[in-house]
Amino acid sequence: MHSSKPTVALFLLLFISAANAEDRAYLLNSTPTERAASQTRFMQTKLNLSQDEVIKIQAINQAYAEKIEPVLKGSSFSLIKMRDIKAILEQKDNTLRNVLTSEQFDIYTHAKDELKQALEQDLKH
């Protein structure tokens, strides 16, 4: 049987939306402050941050967690949410680039998947 492109596209969009909703459940049940604190703890350990850097990173994480909050919990279509969150996270990376050393930023950039897993573990408990 022949399937049309719109049917396949619709199926993929529904599948992606369902998978993303399941993956984001821990985020939806957390506050910006909880997410920022978790990210800061991870970065403090992973990047060997000084106390001054921790204070700056905490403020950045808090500010961007608050920017993401209405997008994350909004009623927009999942692909639009993903696009909007990606744009906010790119802004955050540019801000972090001004605080972290180039070595720390490289480590942070390469540890984003690890950060996501640590955040998920931290917020699920």
PDB file of N, CA and C in Angstrom:
ATOM      1  N   MET A   1       0.847  -1.185   0.000  1.00  0.00           N
ATOM      2  CA  MET A   1       0.000   0.000   0.000  1.00  0.00           C
ATOM      3  C   MET A   1       0.883   1.235   0.000  1.00  0.00           C
ATOM      4  N   HIS A   2       0.480   2.258  -0.706  1.00  0.00           N
ATOM      5  CA  HIS A   2       1.242   3.479  -0.872  1.00  0.00           C
ATOM      6  C   HIS A   2       0.842   4.484   0.217  1.00  0.00           C
ATOM      7  N   SER A   3       1.838   5.036   0.963  1.00  0.00           N
ATOM      8  CA  SER A   3       1.500   6.059   1.945  1.00  0.00           C
ATOM      9  C   SER A   3       1.907   7.428   1.422  1.00  0.00           C
ATOM     10  N   SER A   4       1.073   8.360   1.690  1.00  0.00           N
ATOM     11  CA  SER A   4       1.342   9.701   1.193  1.00  0.00           C
ATOM     12  C   SER A   4       2.344  10.414   2.100  1.00  0.00           C
ATOM     13  N   LYS A   5       3.043  11.359   1.539  1.00  0.00           N
ATOM     14  CA  LYS A   5       4.032  12.134   2.295  1.00  0.00           C
ATOM     15  C   LYS A   5       3.403  12.876   3.473  1.00  0.00           C
ATOM     16  N   PRO A   6       2.224  13.494   3.306  1.00  0.00           N
ATOM     17  CA  PRO A   6       1.619  14.174   4.455  1.00  0.00           C
ATOM     18  C   PRO A   6       1.300  13.223   5.609  1.00  0.00           C
ATOM     19  N   THR A   7       0.875  12.008   5.295  1.00  0.00           N
ATOM     20  CA  THR A   7       0.568  11.037   6.343  1.00  0.00           C
ATOM     21  C   THR A   7       1.830  10.648   7.098  1.00  0.00           C
ATOM     22  N   VAL A   8       2.901  10.420   6.384  1.00  0.00           N
ATOM     23  CA  VAL A   8       4.176  10.067   7.017  1.00  0.00           C
ATOM     24  C   VAL A   8       4.673  11.234   7.857  1.00  0.00           C
ATOM     25  N   ALA A   9       4.586  12.441   7.318  1.00  0.00           N
ATOM     26  CA  ALA A   9       5.033  13.636   8.045  1.00  0.00           C
ATOM     27  C   ALA A   9       4.222  13.815   9.329  1.00  0.00           C
ATOM     28  N   LEU A  10       2.921  13.634   9.247  1.00  0.00           N
ATOM     29  CA  LEU A  10       2.064  13.768  10.423  1.00  0.00           C
ATOM     30  C   LEU A  10       2.441  12.725  11.473  1.00  0.00           C
ATOM     31  N   PHE A  11       2.643  11.495  11.032  1.00  0.00           N
ATOM     32  CA  PHE A  11       3.047  10.444  11.961  1.00  0.00           C
ATOM     33  C   PHE A  11       4.351  10.809  12.661  1.00  0.00           C
ATOM     34  N   LEU A  12       5.338  11.267  11.883  1.00  0.00           N
ATOM     35  CA  LEU A  12       6.631  11.634  12.472  1.00  0.00           C
ATOM     36  C   LEU A  12       6.495  12.783  13.465  1.00  0.00           C
ATOM     37  N   LEU A  13       5.684  13.779  13.123  1.00  0.00           N
ATOM     38  CA  LEU A  13       5.487  14.908  14.031  1.00  0.00           C
ATOM     39  C   LEU A  13       4.816  14.466  15.330  1.00  0.00           C
ATOM     40  N   LEU A  14       3.827  13.614  15.225  1.00  0.00           N
ATOM     41  CA  LEU A  14       3.156  13.113  16.428  1.00  0.00           C
ATOM     42  C   LEU A  14       4.102  12.267  17.269  1.00  0.00           C
ATOM     43  N   PHE A  15       4.904  11.432  16.600  1.00  0.00           N
ATOM     44  CA  PHE A  15       5.864  10.598  17.302  1.00  0.00           C
ATOM     45  C   PHE A  15       6.906  11.452  18.012  1.00  0.00           C
ATOM     46  N   ILE A  16       7.438  12.446  17.315  1.00  0.00           N
ATOM     47  CA  ILE A  16       8.447  13.342  17.900  1.00  0.00           C
ATOM     48  C   ILE A  16       7.843  14.097  19.081  1.00  0.00           C
ATOM     49  N   SER A  17       6.632  14.596  18.935  1.00  0.00           N
ATOM     50  CA  SER A  17       5.975  15.334  20.017  1.00  0.00           C
ATOM     51  C   SER A  17       5.785  14.461  21.248  1.00  0.00           C
ATOM     52  N   ALA A  18       5.343  13.229  21.048  1.00  0.00           N
ATOM     53  CA  ALA A  18       5.134  12.316  22.179  1.00  0.00           C
ATOM     54  C   ALA A  18       6.461  11.985  22.858  1.00  0.00           C
ATOM     55  N   ALA A  19       7.496  11.731  22.084  1.00  0.00           N
ATOM     56  CA  ALA A  19       8.806  11.401  22.651  1.00  0.00           C
ATOM     57  C   ALA A  19       9.374  12.598  23.407  1.00  0.00           C
ATOM     58  N   ASN A  20       9.239  13.775  22.834  1.00  0.00           N
ATOM     59  CA  ASN A  20       9.758  14.969  23.497  1.00  0.00           C
ATOM     60  C   ASN A  20       9.001  15.257  24.787  1.00  0.00           C
ATOM     61  N   ALA A  21       7.697  15.057  24.793  1.00  0.00           N
ATOM     62  CA  ALA A  21       6.908  15.286  26.001  1.00  0.00           C
ATOM     63  C   ALA A  21       7.360  14.349  27.111  1.00  0.00           C
ATOM     64  N   GLU A  22       7.637  13.102  26.757  1.00  0.00           N
ATOM     65  CA  GLU A  22       8.100  12.136  27.750  1.00  0.00           C
ATOM     66  C   GLU A  22       9.483  12.537  28.274  1.00  0.00           C
ATOM     67  N   ASP A  23      10.362  12.940  27.369  1.00  0.00           N
ATOM     68  CA  ASP A  23      11.708  13.353  27.760  1.00  0.00           C
ATOM     69  C   ASP A  23      11.693  14.615  28.608  1.00  0.00           C
ATOM     70  N   ARG A  24      10.723  15.504  28.378  1.00  0.00           N
ATOM     71  CA  ARG A  24      10.681  16.782  29.083  1.00  0.00           C
ATOM     72  C   ARG A  24       9.864  16.730  30.363  1.00  0.00           C
ATOM     73  N   ALA A  25       9.266  15.638  30.705  1.00  0.00           N
ATOM     74  CA  ALA A  25       8.390  15.584  31.875  1.00  0.00           C
ATOM     75  C   ALA A  25       9.092  16.067  33.134  1.00  0.00           C
ATOM     76  N   TYR A  26      10.337  15.658  33.320  1.00  0.00           N
ATOM     77  CA  TYR A  26      11.069  16.092  34.514  1.00  0.00           C
ATOM     78  C   TYR A  26      11.294  17.604  34.503  1.00  0.00           C
ATOM     79  N   LEU A  27      11.430  18.201  33.321  1.00  0.00           N
ATOM     80  CA  LEU A  27      11.602  19.648  33.235  1.00  0.00           C
ATOM     81  C   LEU A  27      10.309  20.379  33.574  1.00  0.00           C
ATOM     82  N   LEU A  28       9.202  19.844  33.096  1.00  0.00           N
ATOM     83  CA  LEU A  28       7.912  20.473  33.340  1.00  0.00           C
ATOM     84  C   LEU A  28       7.525  20.464  34.812  1.00  0.00           C
ATOM     85  N   ASN A  29       8.056  19.517  35.562  1.00  0.00           N
ATOM     86  CA  ASN A  29       7.733  19.404  36.983  1.00  0.00           C
ATOM     87  C   ASN A  29       8.774  20.073  37.872  1.00  0.00           C
ATOM     88  N   SER A  30       9.630  20.889  37.293  1.00  0.00           N
ATOM     89  CA  SER A  30      10.661  21.576  38.078  1.00  0.00           C
ATOM     90  C   SER A  30      10.509  23.083  37.920  1.00  0.00           C
ATOM     91  N   THR A  31      11.167  23.806  38.811  1.00  0.00           N
ATOM     92  CA  THR A  31      11.141  25.269  38.742  1.00  0.00           C
ATOM     93  C   THR A  31      12.420  25.769  38.076  1.00  0.00           C
ATOM     94  N   PRO A  32      12.405  27.000  37.597  1.00  0.00           N
ATOM     95  CA  PRO A  32      13.636  27.561  37.038  1.00  0.00           C
ATOM     96  C   PRO A  32      14.787  27.547  38.048  1.00  0.00           C
ATOM     97  N   THR A  33      14.475  27.800  39.300  1.00  0.00           N
ATOM     98  CA  THR A  33      15.513  27.812  40.345  1.00  0.00           C
ATOM     99  C   THR A  33      16.119  26.428  40.533  1.00  0.00           C
ATOM    100  N   GLU A  34      15.291  25.389  40.497  1.00  0.00           N
ATOM    101  CA  GLU A  34      15.809  24.020  40.620  1.00  0.00           C
ATOM    102  C   GLU A  34      16.700  23.673  39.429  1.00  0.00           C
ATOM    103  N   ARG A  35      16.259  24.040  38.234  1.00  0.00           N
ATOM    104  CA  ARG A  35      17.061  23.745  37.037  1.00  0.00           C
ATOM    105  C   ARG A  35      18.380  24.507  37.058  1.00  0.00           C
ATOM    106  N   ALA A  36      18.334  25.789  37.438  1.00  0.00           N
ATOM    107  CA  ALA A  36      19.548  26.605  37.486  1.00  0.00           C
ATOM    108  C   ALA A  36      20.529  26.068  38.527  1.00  0.00           C
ATOM    109  N   ALA A  37      20.022  25.681  39.688  1.00  0.00           N
ATOM    110  CA  ALA A  37      20.886  25.149  40.742  1.00  0.00           C
ATOM    111  C   ALA A  37      21.550  23.849  40.297  1.00  0.00           C
ATOM    112  N   SER A  38      20.791  22.988  39.643  1.00  0.00           N
ATOM    113  CA  SER A  38      21.337  21.721  39.159  1.00  0.00           C
ATOM    114  C   SER A  38      22.420  21.961  38.119  1.00  0.00           C
ATOM    115  N   GLN A  39      22.154  22.851  37.181  1.00  0.00           N
ATOM    116  CA  GLN A  39      23.143  23.174  36.147  1.00  0.00           C
ATOM    117  C   GLN A  39      24.411  23.754  36.771  1.00  0.00           C
ATOM    118  N   THR A  40      24.240  24.631  37.742  1.00  0.00           N
ATOM    119  CA  THR A  40      25.390  25.262  38.389  1.00  0.00           C
ATOM    120  C   THR A  40      26.232  24.235  39.135  1.00  0.00           C
ATOM    121  N   ARG A  41      25.582  23.326  39.844  1.00  0.00           N
ATOM    122  CA  ARG A  41      26.336  22.278  40.557  1.00  0.00           C
ATOM    123  C   ARG A  41      27.162  21.454  39.572  1.00  0.00           C
ATOM    124  N   PHE A  42      26.542  21.068  38.470  1.00  0.00           N
ATOM    125  CA  PHE A  42      27.249  20.285  37.462  1.00  0.00           C
ATOM    126  C   PHE A  42      28.434  21.067  36.905  1.00  0.00           C
ATOM    127  N   MET A  43      28.200  22.310  36.534  1.00  0.00           N
ATOM    128  CA  MET A  43      29.256  23.122  35.945  1.00  0.00           C
ATOM    129  C   MET A  43      30.383  23.406  36.944  1.00  0.00           C
ATOM    130  N   GLN A  44      30.021  23.605  38.207  1.00  0.00           N
ATOM    131  CA  GLN A  44      31.031  23.849  39.234  1.00  0.00           C
ATOM    132  C   GLN A  44      31.983  22.665  39.328  1.00  0.00           C
ATOM    133  N   THR A  45      31.445  21.481  39.309  1.00  0.00           N
ATOM    134  CA  THR A  45      32.255  20.265  39.396  1.00  0.00           C
ATOM    135  C   THR A  45      33.019  20.022  38.103  1.00  0.00           C
ATOM    136  N   LYS A  46      32.333  20.089  36.980  1.00  0.00           N
ATOM    137  CA  LYS A  46      32.929  19.743  35.684  1.00  0.00           C
ATOM    138  C   LYS A  46      33.981  20.761  35.237  1.00  0.00           C
ATOM    139  N   LEU A  47      33.748  22.034  35.551  1.00  0.00           N
ATOM    140  CA  LEU A  47      34.613  23.092  35.040  1.00  0.00           C
ATOM    141  C   LEU A  47      35.581  23.638  36.083  1.00  0.00           C
ATOM    142  N   ASN A  48      35.512  23.088  37.299  1.00  0.00           N
ATOM    143  CA  ASN A  48      36.401  23.534  38.375  1.00  0.00           C
ATOM    144  C   ASN A  48      36.316  25.056  38.538  1.00  0.00           C
ATOM    145  N   LEU A  49      35.109  25.542  38.752  1.00  0.00           N
ATOM    146  CA  LEU A  49      34.860  26.973  38.837  1.00  0.00           C
ATOM    147  C   LEU A  49      35.339  27.565  40.151  1.00  0.00           C
ATOM    148  N   SER A  50      35.834  28.790  40.080  1.00  0.00           N
ATOM    149  CA  SER A  50      36.174  29.536  41.296  1.00  0.00           C
ATOM    150  C   SER A  50      34.867  30.004  41.941  1.00  0.00           C
ATOM    151  N   GLN A  51      34.925  30.478  43.164  1.00  0.00           N
ATOM    152  CA  GLN A  51      33.712  30.947  43.844  1.00  0.00           C
ATOM    153  C   GLN A  51      33.111  32.143  43.102  1.00  0.00           C
ATOM    154  N   ASP A  52      33.957  33.022  42.597  1.00  0.00           N
ATOM    155  CA  ASP A  52      33.485  34.170  41.822  1.00  0.00           C
ATOM    156  C   ASP A  52      32.765  33.702  40.552  1.00  0.00           C
ATOM    157  N   GLU A  53      33.336  32.709  39.880  1.00  0.00           N
ATOM    158  CA  GLU A  53      32.712  32.164  38.670  1.00  0.00           C
ATOM    159  C   GLU A  53      31.387  31.488  38.996  1.00  0.00           C
ATOM    160  N   VAL A  54      31.323  30.789  40.124  1.00  0.00           N
ATOM    161  CA  VAL A  54      30.082  30.116  40.527  1.00  0.00           C
ATOM    162  C   VAL A  54      28.958  31.138  40.678  1.00  0.00           C
ATOM    163  N   ILE A  55      29.259  32.258  41.301  1.00  0.00           N
ATOM    164  CA  ILE A  55      28.247  33.300  41.500  1.00  0.00           C
ATOM    165  C   ILE A  55      27.752  33.817  40.150  1.00  0.00           C
ATOM    166  N   LYS A  56      28.668  34.076  39.227  1.00  0.00           N
ATOM    167  CA  LYS A  56      28.284  34.570  37.898  1.00  0.00           C
ATOM    168  C   LYS A  56      27.506  33.517  37.119  1.00  0.00           C
ATOM    169  N   ILE A  57      27.966  32.275  37.167  1.00  0.00           N
ATOM    170  CA  ILE A  57      27.306  31.188  36.435  1.00  0.00           C
ATOM    171  C   ILE A  57      25.916  30.933  36.999  1.00  0.00           C
ATOM    172  N   GLN A  58      25.770  30.984  38.321  1.00  0.00           N
ATOM    173  CA  GLN A  58      24.450  30.795  38.940  1.00  0.00           C
ATOM    174  C   GLN A  58      23.476  31.851  38.443  1.00  0.00           C
ATOM    175  N   ALA A  59      23.929  33.100  38.378  1.00  0.00           N
ATOM    176  CA  ALA A  59      23.063  34.189  37.908  1.00  0.00           C
ATOM    177  C   ALA A  59      22.665  33.974  36.444  1.00  0.00           C
ATOM    178  N   ILE A  60      23.620  33.559  35.625  1.00  0.00           N
ATOM    179  CA  ILE A  60      23.327  33.295  34.206  1.00  0.00           C
ATOM    180  C   ILE A  60      22.350  32.139  34.074  1.00  0.00           C
ATOM    181  N   ASN A  61      22.622  31.033  34.789  1.00  0.00           N
ATOM    182  CA  ASN A  61      21.728  29.877  34.717  1.00  0.00           C
ATOM    183  C   ASN A  61      20.317  30.235  35.171  1.00  0.00           C
ATOM    184  N   GLN A  62      20.209  31.032  36.229  1.00  0.00           N
ATOM    185  CA  GLN A  62      18.900  31.443  36.733  1.00  0.00           C
ATOM    186  C   GLN A  62      18.172  32.309  35.707  1.00  0.00           C
ATOM    187  N   ALA A  63      18.868  33.271  35.156  1.00  0.00           N
ATOM    188  CA  ALA A  63      18.240  34.183  34.187  1.00  0.00           C
ATOM    189  C   ALA A  63      17.719  33.426  32.970  1.00  0.00           C
ATOM    190  N   TYR A  64      18.518  32.499  32.454  1.00  0.00           N
ATOM    191  CA  TYR A  64      18.093  31.780  31.255  1.00  0.00           C
ATOM    192  C   TYR A  64      17.060  30.698  31.570  1.00  0.00           C
ATOM    193  N   ALA A  65      17.099  30.128  32.760  1.00  0.00           N
ATOM    194  CA  ALA A  65      16.050  29.184  33.156  1.00  0.00           C
ATOM    195  C   ALA A  65      14.713  29.907  33.223  1.00  0.00           C
ATOM    196  N   GLU A  66      14.736  31.162  33.689  1.00  0.00           N
ATOM    197  CA  GLU A  66      13.502  31.950  33.745  1.00  0.00           C
ATOM    198  C   GLU A  66      13.024  32.345  32.345  1.00  0.00           C
ATOM    199  N   LYS A  67      13.957  32.602  31.422  1.00  0.00           N
ATOM    200  CA  LYS A  67      13.571  32.919  30.044  1.00  0.00           C
ATOM    201  C   LYS A  67      12.932  31.714  29.356  1.00  0.00           C
ATOM    202  N   ILE A  68      13.426  30.532  29.687  1.00  0.00           N
ATOM    203  CA  ILE A  68      12.920  29.302  29.065  1.00  0.00           C
ATOM    204  C   ILE A  68      11.577  28.878  29.653  1.00  0.00           C
ATOM    205  N   GLU A  69      11.322  29.235  30.895  1.00  0.00           N
ATOM    206  CA  GLU A  69      10.119  28.777  31.611  1.00  0.00           C
ATOM    207  C   GLU A  69       8.823  28.977  30.824  1.00  0.00           C
ATOM    208  N   PRO A  70       8.519  30.184  30.337  1.00  0.00           N
ATOM    209  CA  PRO A  70       7.239  30.336  29.619  1.00  0.00           C
ATOM    210  C   PRO A  70       7.188  29.554  28.310  1.00  0.00           C
ATOM    211  N   VAL A  71       8.321  29.368  27.672  1.00  0.00           N
ATOM    212  CA  VAL A  71       8.360  28.582  26.436  1.00  0.00           C
ATOM    213  C   VAL A  71       8.127  27.113  26.768  1.00  0.00           C
ATOM    214  N   LEU A  72       8.837  26.634  27.776  1.00  0.00           N
ATOM    215  CA  LEU A  72       8.759  25.236  28.182  1.00  0.00           C
ATOM    216  C   LEU A  72       7.341  24.844  28.586  1.00  0.00           C
ATOM    217  N   LYS A  73       6.685  25.704  29.326  1.00  0.00           N
ATOM    218  CA  LYS A  73       5.356  25.380  29.844  1.00  0.00           C
ATOM    219  C   LYS A  73       4.227  25.995  29.022  1.00  0.00           C
ATOM    220  N   GLY A  74       4.580  26.604  27.899  1.00  0.00           N
ATOM    221  CA  GLY A  74       3.585  27.217  27.026  1.00  0.00           C
ATOM    222  C   GLY A  74       2.845  26.173  26.208  1.00  0.00           C
ATOM    223  N   SER A  75       1.886  26.645  25.432  1.00  0.00           N
ATOM    224  CA  SER A  75       1.039  25.731  24.663  1.00  0.00           C
ATOM    225  C   SER A  75       1.449  25.633  23.202  1.00  0.00           C
ATOM    226  N   SER A  76       2.598  26.173  22.854  1.00  0.00           N
ATOM    227  CA  SER A  76       3.059  26.115  21.464  1.00  0.00           C
ATOM    228  C   SER A  76       3.325  24.682  21.041  1.00  0.00           C
ATOM    229  N   PHE A  77       3.290  24.472  19.749  1.00  0.00           N
ATOM    230  CA  PHE A  77       3.605  23.182  19.140  1.00  0.00           C
ATOM    231  C   PHE A  77       5.045  22.810  19.500  1.00  0.00           C
ATOM    232  N   SER A  78       5.337  21.555  19.733  1.00  0.00           N
ATOM    233  CA  SER A  78       6.642  21.090  20.207  1.00  0.00           C
ATOM    234  C   SER A  78       7.813  21.557  19.347  1.00  0.00           C
ATOM    235  N   LEU A  79       7.649  21.544  18.033  1.00  0.00           N
ATOM    236  CA  LEU A  79       8.752  21.967  17.173  1.00  0.00           C
ATOM    237  C   LEU A  79       9.034  23.453  17.336  1.00  0.00           C
ATOM    238  N   ILE A  80       8.017  24.247  17.571  1.00  0.00           N
ATOM    239  CA  ILE A  80       8.207  25.680  17.813  1.00  0.00           C
ATOM    240  C   ILE A  80       8.895  25.884  19.152  1.00  0.00           C
ATOM    241  N   LYS A  81       8.475  25.122  20.158  1.00  0.00           N
ATOM    242  CA  LYS A  81       9.126  25.194  21.471  1.00  0.00           C
ATOM    243  C   LYS A  81      10.602  24.854  21.350  1.00  0.00           C
ATOM    244  N   MET A  82      10.902  23.773  20.630  1.00  0.00           N
ATOM    245  CA  MET A  82      12.298  23.352  20.476  1.00  0.00           C
ATOM    246  C   MET A  82      13.112  24.454  19.807  1.00  0.00           C
ATOM    247  N   ARG A  83      12.555  25.082  18.779  1.00  0.00           N
ATOM    248  CA  ARG A  83      13.253  26.170  18.080  1.00  0.00           C
ATOM    249  C   ARG A  83      13.493  27.346  19.017  1.00  0.00           C
ATOM    250  N   ASP A  84      12.471  27.722  19.786  1.00  0.00           N
ATOM    251  CA  ASP A  84      12.581  28.859  20.691  1.00  0.00           C
ATOM    252  C   ASP A  84      13.580  28.588  21.820  1.00  0.00           C
ATOM    253  N   ILE A  85      13.530  27.382  22.357  1.00  0.00           N
ATOM    254  CA  ILE A  85      14.468  27.018  23.429  1.00  0.00           C
ATOM    255  C   ILE A  85      15.886  26.982  22.891  1.00  0.00           C
ATOM    256  N   LYS A  86      16.065  26.467  21.690  1.00  0.00           N
ATOM    257  CA  LYS A  86      17.395  26.428  21.080  1.00  0.00           C
ATOM    258  C   LYS A  86      17.959  27.842  20.942  1.00  0.00           C
ATOM    259  N   ALA A  87      17.131  28.793  20.522  1.00  0.00           N
ATOM    260  CA  ALA A  87      17.571  30.180  20.366  1.00  0.00           C
ATOM    261  C   ALA A  87      17.984  30.774  21.716  1.00  0.00           C
ATOM    262  N   ILE A  88      17.213  30.491  22.759  1.00  0.00           N
ATOM    263  CA  ILE A  88      17.544  30.997  24.099  1.00  0.00           C
ATOM    264  C   ILE A  88      18.850  30.379  24.576  1.00  0.00           C
ATOM    265  N   LEU A  89      19.027  29.073  24.342  1.00  0.00           N
ATOM    266  CA  LEU A  89      20.262  28.405  24.777  1.00  0.00           C
ATOM    267  C   LEU A  89      21.478  28.908  24.007  1.00  0.00           C
ATOM    268  N   GLU A  90      21.299  29.312  22.764  1.00  0.00           N
ATOM    269  CA  GLU A  90      22.407  29.907  22.013  1.00  0.00           C
ATOM    270  C   GLU A  90      22.791  31.254  22.616  1.00  0.00           C
ATOM    271  N   GLN A  91      21.796  32.036  23.045  1.00  0.00           N
ATOM    272  CA  GLN A  91      22.069  33.300  23.738  1.00  0.00           C
ATOM    273  C   GLN A  91      22.828  33.039  25.042  1.00  0.00           C
ATOM    274  N   LYS A  92      22.389  31.990  25.755  1.00  0.00           N
ATOM    275  CA  LYS A  92      23.042  31.638  27.013  1.00  0.00           C
ATOM    276  C   LYS A  92      24.501  31.271  26.756  1.00  0.00           C
ATOM    277  N   ASP A  93      24.761  30.485  25.729  1.00  0.00           N
ATOM    278  CA  ASP A  93      26.136  30.109  25.403  1.00  0.00           C
ATOM    279  C   ASP A  93      26.988  31.342  25.122  1.00  0.00           C
ATOM    280  N   ASN A  94      26.435  32.318  24.420  1.00  0.00           N
ATOM    281  CA  ASN A  94      27.183  33.547  24.158  1.00  0.00           C
ATOM    282  C   ASN A  94      27.498  34.298  25.443  1.00  0.00           C
ATOM    283  N   THR A  95      26.568  34.288  26.386  1.00  0.00           N
ATOM    284  CA  THR A  95      26.790  34.925  27.680  1.00  0.00           C
ATOM    285  C   THR A  95      27.848  34.161  28.467  1.00  0.00           C
ATOM    286  N   LEU A  96      27.752  32.832  28.473  1.00  0.00           N
ATOM    287  CA  LEU A  96      28.732  32.010  29.190  1.00  0.00           C
ATOM    288  C   LEU A  96      30.133  32.180  28.613  1.00  0.00           C
ATOM    289  N   ARG A  97      30.219  32.374  27.325  1.00  0.00           N
ATOM    290  CA  ARG A  97      31.514  32.547  26.655  1.00  0.00           C
ATOM    291  C   ARG A  97      32.275  33.748  27.229  1.00  0.00           C
ATOM    292  N   ASN A  98      31.526  34.748  27.732  1.00  0.00           N
ATOM    293  CA  ASN A  98      32.138  35.935  28.312  1.00  0.00           C
ATOM    294  C   ASN A  98      32.601  35.733  29.750  1.00  0.00           C
ATOM    295  N   VAL A  99      32.163  34.667  30.395  1.00  0.00           N
ATOM    296  CA  VAL A  99      32.509  34.411  31.793  1.00  0.00           C
ATOM    297  C   VAL A  99      33.545  33.294  31.913  1.00  0.00           C
ATOM    298  N   LEU A 100      33.385  32.265  31.111  1.00  0.00           N
ATOM    299  CA  LEU A 100      34.268  31.102  31.182  1.00  0.00           C
ATOM    300  C   LEU A 100      35.540  31.332  30.365  1.00  0.00           C
ATOM    301  N   THR A 101      36.598  30.651  30.766  1.00  0.00           N
ATOM    302  CA  THR A 101      37.801  30.657  29.939  1.00  0.00           C
ATOM    303  C   THR A 101      37.493  29.850  28.679  1.00  0.00           C
ATOM    304  N   SER A 102      38.324  29.984  27.657  1.00  0.00           N
ATOM    305  CA  SER A 102      38.072  29.224  26.425  1.00  0.00           C
ATOM    306  C   SER A 102      38.143  27.727  26.706  1.00  0.00           C
ATOM    307  N   GLU A 103      39.042  27.315  27.602  1.00  0.00           N
ATOM    308  CA  GLU A 103      39.138  25.891  27.958  1.00  0.00           C
ATOM    309  C   GLU A 103      37.867  25.419  28.674  1.00  0.00           C
ATOM    310  N   GLN A 104      37.392  26.212  29.622  1.00  0.00           N
ATOM    311  CA  GLN A 104      36.166  25.855  30.337  1.00  0.00           C
ATOM    312  C   GLN A 104      34.978  25.800  29.374  1.00  0.00           C
ATOM    313  N   PHE A 105      34.904  26.751  28.457  1.00  0.00           N
ATOM    314  CA  PHE A 105      33.789  26.767  27.508  1.00  0.00           C
ATOM    315  C   PHE A 105      33.831  25.546  26.602  1.00  0.00           C
ATOM    316  N   ASP A 106      35.020  25.146  26.174  1.00  0.00           N
ATOM    317  CA  ASP A 106      35.151  23.936  25.353  1.00  0.00           C
ATOM    318  C   ASP A 106      34.680  22.705  26.118  1.00  0.00           C
ATOM    319  N   ILE A 107      35.086  22.602  27.381  1.00  0.00           N
ATOM    320  CA  ILE A 107      34.654  21.470  28.215  1.00  0.00           C
ATOM    321  C   ILE A 107      33.133  21.487  28.360  1.00  0.00           C
ATOM    322  N   TYR A 108      32.580  22.666  28.647  1.00  0.00           N
ATOM    323  CA  TYR A 108      31.128  22.824  28.782  1.00  0.00           C
ATOM    324  C   TYR A 108      30.419  22.396  27.493  1.00  0.00           C
ATOM    325  N   THR A 109      30.917  22.867  26.366  1.00  0.00           N
ATOM    326  CA  THR A 109      30.310  22.550  25.077  1.00  0.00           C
ATOM    327  C   THR A 109      30.303  21.046  24.814  1.00  0.00           C
ATOM    328  N   HIS A 110      31.389  20.391  25.144  1.00  0.00           N
ATOM    329  CA  HIS A 110      31.478  18.951  24.904  1.00  0.00           C
ATOM    330  C   HIS A 110      30.743  18.122  25.960  1.00  0.00           C
ATOM    331  N   ALA A 111      30.363  18.753  27.062  1.00  0.00           N
ATOM    332  CA  ALA A 111      29.698  18.020  28.142  1.00  0.00           C
ATOM    333  C   ALA A 111      28.187  18.292  28.189  1.00  0.00           C
ATOM    334  N   LYS A 112      27.623  18.867  27.151  1.00  0.00           N
ATOM    335  CA  LYS A 112      26.197  19.213  27.192  1.00  0.00           C
ATOM    336  C   LYS A 112      25.294  17.988  27.327  1.00  0.00           C
ATOM    337  N   ASP A 113      25.635  16.893  26.671  1.00  0.00           N
ATOM    338  CA  ASP A 113      24.827  15.681  26.829  1.00  0.00           C
ATOM    339  C   ASP A 113      24.926  15.159  28.265  1.00  0.00           C
ATOM    340  N   GLU A 114      26.113  15.224  28.805  1.00  0.00           N
ATOM    341  CA  GLU A 114      26.327  14.807  30.199  1.00  0.00           C
ATOM    342  C   GLU A 114      25.549  15.730  31.150  1.00  0.00           C
ATOM    343  N   LEU A 115      25.527  17.018  30.845  1.00  0.00           N
ATOM    344  CA  LEU A 115      24.772  17.983  31.653  1.00  0.00           C
ATOM    345  C   LEU A 115      23.286  17.653  31.607  1.00  0.00           C
ATOM    346  N   LYS A 116      22.777  17.331  30.428  1.00  0.00           N
ATOM    347  CA  LYS A 116      21.362  16.977  30.282  1.00  0.00           C
ATOM    348  C   LYS A 116      21.021  15.758  31.144  1.00  0.00           C
ATOM    349  N   GLN A 117      21.887  14.747  31.117  1.00  0.00           N
ATOM    350  CA  GLN A 117      21.660  13.541  31.918  1.00  0.00           C
ATOM    351  C   GLN A 117      21.733  13.852  33.408  1.00  0.00           C
ATOM    352  N   ALA A 118      22.695  14.683  33.814  1.00  0.00           N
ATOM    353  CA  ALA A 118      22.824  15.045  35.223  1.00  0.00           C
ATOM    354  C   ALA A 118      21.609  15.843  35.683  1.00  0.00           C
ATOM    355  N   LEU A 119      21.139  16.751  34.847  1.00  0.00           N
ATOM    356  CA  LEU A 119      19.964  17.550  35.166  1.00  0.00           C
ATOM    357  C   LEU A 119      18.740  16.647  35.332  1.00  0.00           C
ATOM    358  N   GLU A 120      18.576  15.713  34.411  1.00  0.00           N
ATOM    359  CA  GLU A 120      17.449  14.783  34.477  1.00  0.00           C
ATOM    360  C   GLU A 120      17.496  13.965  35.765  1.00  0.00           C
ATOM    361  N   GLN A 121      18.662  13.428  36.092  1.00  0.00           N
ATOM    362  CA  GLN A 121      18.808  12.628  37.318  1.00  0.00           C
ATOM    363  C   GLN A 121      18.525  13.478  38.567  1.00  0.00           C
ATOM    364  N   ASP A 122      19.076  14.671  38.562  1.00  0.00           N
ATOM    365  CA  ASP A 122      18.926  15.566  39.715  1.00  0.00           C
ATOM    366  C   ASP A 122      17.475  15.961  39.937  1.00  0.00           C
ATOM    367  N   LEU A 123      16.765  16.263  38.860  1.00  0.00           N
ATOM    368  CA  LEU A 123      15.386  16.749  38.975  1.00  0.00           C
ATOM    369  C   LEU A 123      14.365  15.636  39.172  1.00  0.00           C
ATOM    370  N   LYS A 124      14.729  14.427  38.842  1.00  0.00           N
ATOM    371  CA  LYS A 124      13.804  13.303  39.037  1.00  0.00           C
ATOM    372  C   LYS A 124      13.776  12.835  40.490  1.00  0.00           C
ATOM    373  N   HIS A 125      14.756  13.202  41.258  1.00  0.00           N
ATOM    374  CA  HIS A 125      14.811  12.755  42.666  1.00  0.00           C
ATOM    375  C   HIS A 125      14.230  13.751  43.608  1.00  0.00           C
TER     376      HIS A 125
END
